[in-house]
Amino acid sequence: MTITYVKKIKADGSACKKCGEVSAKMEEAGHMQFIDHIAIADERDPESEGMLLAAKHDVNRAPFFIVEEEDKEPEIHTVYFKFVKQVLAGKTSEQDEIKEIMNDNPDLDFI
């Protein structure tokens, strides 16, 4: 299994806030050891590796993870806690997953 972590640099050159938060969570939990490659999606450079990967996999949010296994289609994960649960078999709470989804989609309303 190969895992690529795609982080974004915004058009103004600043780091993506969400990417920084996810990176900090990954460091704290010891998950960075499972990442094989980090690609940067630089909005200032449409040919940057991360921008090309986002286009190839039709992803429009960052950060995201690409999980590749031999003889399988790549899996794309855009929610960190689901990625941890489904791929790294770590423990996350449903509340953490919902919070991340709500933060990433302010147009949604929790029922």
C-alpha atoms as a PDB file:
ATOM      1  CA  MET A   1       0.000   0.000   0.000  1.00  0.00           C
ATOM      2  CA  THR A   2       1.206   3.490  -0.886  1.00  0.00           C
ATOM      3  CA  ILE A   3      -0.291   6.578   0.731  1.00  0.00           C
ATOM      4  CA  THR A   4       0.106  10.055  -0.723  1.00  0.00           C
ATOM      5  CA  TYR A   5      -0.858  13.065   1.381  1.00  0.00           C
ATOM      6  CA  VAL A   6      -1.789  16.116  -0.711  1.00  0.00           C
ATOM      7  CA  LYS A   7      -1.527  19.517   1.001  1.00  0.00           C
ATOM      8  CA  LYS A   8      -2.328  22.935  -0.466  1.00  0.00           C
ATOM      9  CA  ILE A   9      -0.599  26.280  -0.696  1.00  0.00           C
ATOM     10  CA  LYS A  10      -3.079  29.079  -1.388  1.00  0.00           C
ATOM     11  CA  ALA A  11      -2.812  31.566  -4.231  1.00  0.00           C
ATOM     12  CA  ASP A  12      -1.429  34.195  -1.829  1.00  0.00           C
ATOM     13  CA  GLY A  13       1.403  31.827  -0.845  1.00  0.00           C
ATOM     14  CA  SER A  14       0.037  31.002   2.598  1.00  0.00           C
ATOM     15  CA  ALA A  15      -0.423  27.466   3.836  1.00  0.00           C
ATOM     16  CA  CYS A  16      -3.889  25.961   3.882  1.00  0.00           C
ATOM     17  CA  LYS A  17      -5.219  26.245   7.454  1.00  0.00           C
ATOM     18  CA  LYS A  18      -7.014  22.881   7.341  1.00  0.00           C
ATOM     19  CA  CYS A  19      -3.864  21.207   5.978  1.00  0.00           C
ATOM     20  CA  GLY A  20      -1.891  22.572   8.924  1.00  0.00           C
ATOM     21  CA  GLU A  21      -4.485  21.300  11.375  1.00  0.00           C
ATOM     22  CA  VAL A  22      -4.501  17.833   9.809  1.00  0.00           C
ATOM     23  CA  SER A  23      -0.692  17.709   9.726  1.00  0.00           C
ATOM     24  CA  ALA A  24      -0.578  18.596  13.434  1.00  0.00           C
ATOM     25  CA  LYS A  25      -3.126  15.870  14.264  1.00  0.00           C
ATOM     26  CA  MET A  26      -1.156  13.357  12.211  1.00  0.00           C
ATOM     27  CA  GLU A  27       2.123  14.253  13.942  1.00  0.00           C
ATOM     28  CA  GLU A  28       0.509  14.061  17.375  1.00  0.00           C
ATOM     29  CA  ALA A  29      -1.073  10.670  16.637  1.00  0.00           C
ATOM     30  CA  GLY A  30       2.052   9.229  15.015  1.00  0.00           C
ATOM     31  CA  HIS A  31       0.323   8.809  11.655  1.00  0.00           C
ATOM     32  CA  MET A  32       2.981  10.527   9.543  1.00  0.00           C
ATOM     33  CA  GLN A  33       5.011   7.314   9.607  1.00  0.00           C
ATOM     34  CA  PHE A  34       2.390   5.750   7.330  1.00  0.00           C
ATOM     35  CA  ILE A  35       2.637   8.468   4.675  1.00  0.00           C
ATOM     36  CA  ASP A  36       4.844   7.450   1.761  1.00  0.00           C
ATOM     37  CA  HIS A  37       4.759  10.730  -0.127  1.00  0.00           C
ATOM     38  CA  ILE A  38       3.629  14.325   0.407  1.00  0.00           C
ATOM     39  CA  ALA A  39       2.521  16.268  -2.674  1.00  0.00           C
ATOM     40  CA  ILE A  40       1.925  20.014  -2.662  1.00  0.00           C
ATOM     41  CA  ALA A  41      -1.030  21.509  -4.520  1.00  0.00           C
ATOM     42  CA  ASP A  42       0.230  25.038  -5.139  1.00  0.00           C
ATOM     43  CA  GLU A  43      -2.620  27.212  -6.413  1.00  0.00           C
ATOM     44  CA  ARG A  44      -0.017  29.506  -8.002  1.00  0.00           C
ATOM     45  CA  ASP A  45       1.214  26.644 -10.169  1.00  0.00           C
ATOM     46  CA  PRO A  46      -1.435  24.590 -11.974  1.00  0.00           C
ATOM     47  CA  GLU A  47       1.310  22.130 -12.960  1.00  0.00           C
ATOM     48  CA  SER A  48       2.372  21.436  -9.369  1.00  0.00           C
ATOM     49  CA  GLU A  49       2.193  17.781  -8.434  1.00  0.00           C
ATOM     50  CA  GLY A  50      -0.719  18.217  -6.024  1.00  0.00           C
ATOM     51  CA  MET A  51      -2.771  20.273  -8.489  1.00  0.00           C
ATOM     52  CA  LEU A  52      -2.266  17.599 -11.147  1.00  0.00           C
ATOM     53  CA  LEU A  53      -3.290  14.859  -8.691  1.00  0.00           C
ATOM     54  CA  ALA A  54      -6.381  16.839  -7.656  1.00  0.00           C
ATOM     55  CA  ALA A  55      -7.402  17.226 -11.308  1.00  0.00           C
ATOM     56  CA  LYS A  56      -6.679  13.588 -12.110  1.00  0.00           C
ATOM     57  CA  HIS A  57      -8.814  12.356  -9.206  1.00  0.00           C
ATOM     58  CA  ASP A  58     -11.445  15.128  -9.492  1.00  0.00           C
ATOM     59  CA  VAL A  59     -10.820  16.425  -5.964  1.00  0.00           C
ATOM     60  CA  ASN A  60     -11.612  20.039  -5.139  1.00  0.00           C
ATOM     61  CA  ARG A  61     -10.640  20.238  -1.468  1.00  0.00           C
ATOM     62  CA  ALA A  62      -7.517  19.858   0.569  1.00  0.00           C
ATOM     63  CA  PRO A  63      -6.006  18.081   2.237  1.00  0.00           C
ATOM     64  CA  PHE A  64      -6.706  14.684   0.757  1.00  0.00           C
ATOM     65  CA  PHE A  65      -5.134  11.259   0.739  1.00  0.00           C
ATOM     66  CA  ILE A  66      -4.601   8.843  -2.136  1.00  0.00           C
ATOM     67  CA  VAL A  67      -4.344   5.197  -1.118  1.00  0.00           C
ATOM     68  CA  GLU A  68      -2.971   2.907  -3.801  1.00  0.00           C
ATOM     69  CA  GLU A  69      -2.843  -0.864  -3.633  1.00  0.00           C
ATOM     70  CA  GLU A  70      -1.693  -3.252  -6.317  1.00  0.00           C
ATOM     71  CA  ASP A  71      -4.454  -4.345  -8.718  1.00  0.00           C
ATOM     72  CA  LYS A  72      -6.978  -1.880  -7.240  1.00  0.00           C
ATOM     73  CA  GLU A  73      -8.248   1.535  -8.212  1.00  0.00           C
ATOM     74  CA  PRO A  74      -6.808   4.306  -6.015  1.00  0.00           C
ATOM     75  CA  GLU A  75      -8.993   5.307  -3.075  1.00  0.00           C
ATOM     76  CA  ILE A  76      -9.399   9.018  -2.398  1.00  0.00           C
ATOM     77  CA  HIS A  77     -10.050  10.221   1.148  1.00  0.00           C
ATOM     78  CA  THR A  78     -10.995  13.836   1.821  1.00  0.00           C
ATOM     79  CA  VAL A  79     -12.007  13.502   5.487  1.00  0.00           C
ATOM     80  CA  TYR A  80      -9.060  12.902   7.804  1.00  0.00           C
ATOM     81  CA  PHE A  81     -10.909  11.016  10.558  1.00  0.00           C
ATOM     82  CA  LYS A  82     -12.548   8.665   8.057  1.00  0.00           C
ATOM     83  CA  PHE A  83      -9.140   8.103   6.460  1.00  0.00           C
ATOM     84  CA  VAL A  84      -7.679   7.178   9.848  1.00  0.00           C
ATOM     85  CA  LYS A  85     -10.557   4.837  10.649  1.00  0.00           C
ATOM     86  CA  GLN A  86     -10.790   3.170   7.239  1.00  0.00           C
ATOM     87  CA  VAL A  87      -7.126   3.031   6.273  1.00  0.00           C
ATOM     88  CA  LEU A  88      -4.994   3.328   9.372  1.00  0.00           C
ATOM     89  CA  ALA A  89      -7.488   1.534  11.627  1.00  0.00           C
ATOM     90  CA  GLY A  90      -7.088   4.265  14.206  1.00  0.00           C
ATOM     91  CA  LYS A  91      -9.799   5.243  16.572  1.00  0.00           C
ATOM     92  CA  THR A  92     -11.798   8.375  15.888  1.00  0.00           C
ATOM     93  CA  SER A  93     -15.132   9.399  17.244  1.00  0.00           C
ATOM     94  CA  GLU A  94     -18.231   9.944  15.158  1.00  0.00           C
ATOM     95  CA  GLN A  95     -18.443  13.401  16.726  1.00  0.00           C
ATOM     96  CA  ASP A  96     -14.960  14.276  15.397  1.00  0.00           C
ATOM     97  CA  GLU A  97     -15.965  13.087  11.904  1.00  0.00           C
ATOM     98  CA  ILE A  98     -19.186  15.134  11.963  1.00  0.00           C
ATOM     99  CA  LYS A  99     -17.330  18.204  13.231  1.00  0.00           C
ATOM    100  CA  GLU A 100     -14.791  17.962  10.402  1.00  0.00           C
ATOM    101  CA  ILE A 101     -17.504  17.487   7.781  1.00  0.00           C
ATOM    102  CA  MET A 102     -19.487  20.453   9.149  1.00  0.00           C
ATOM    103  CA  ASN A 103     -16.379  22.673   9.261  1.00  0.00           C
ATOM    104  CA  ASP A 104     -15.557  21.768   5.665  1.00  0.00           C
ATOM    105  CA  ASN A 105     -19.134  22.325   4.458  1.00  0.00           C
ATOM    106  CA  PRO A 106     -20.599  25.442   6.117  1.00  0.00           C
ATOM    107  CA  ASP A 107     -23.634  25.215   3.839  1.00  0.00           C
ATOM    108  CA  LEU A 108     -24.747  22.010   5.623  1.00  0.00           C
ATOM    109  CA  ASP A 109     -26.923  22.037   8.704  1.00  0.00           C
ATOM    110  CA  PHE A 110     -26.802  19.329  11.361  1.00  0.00           C
ATOM    111  CA  ILE A 111     -30.153  17.724  12.192  1.00  0.00           C
END
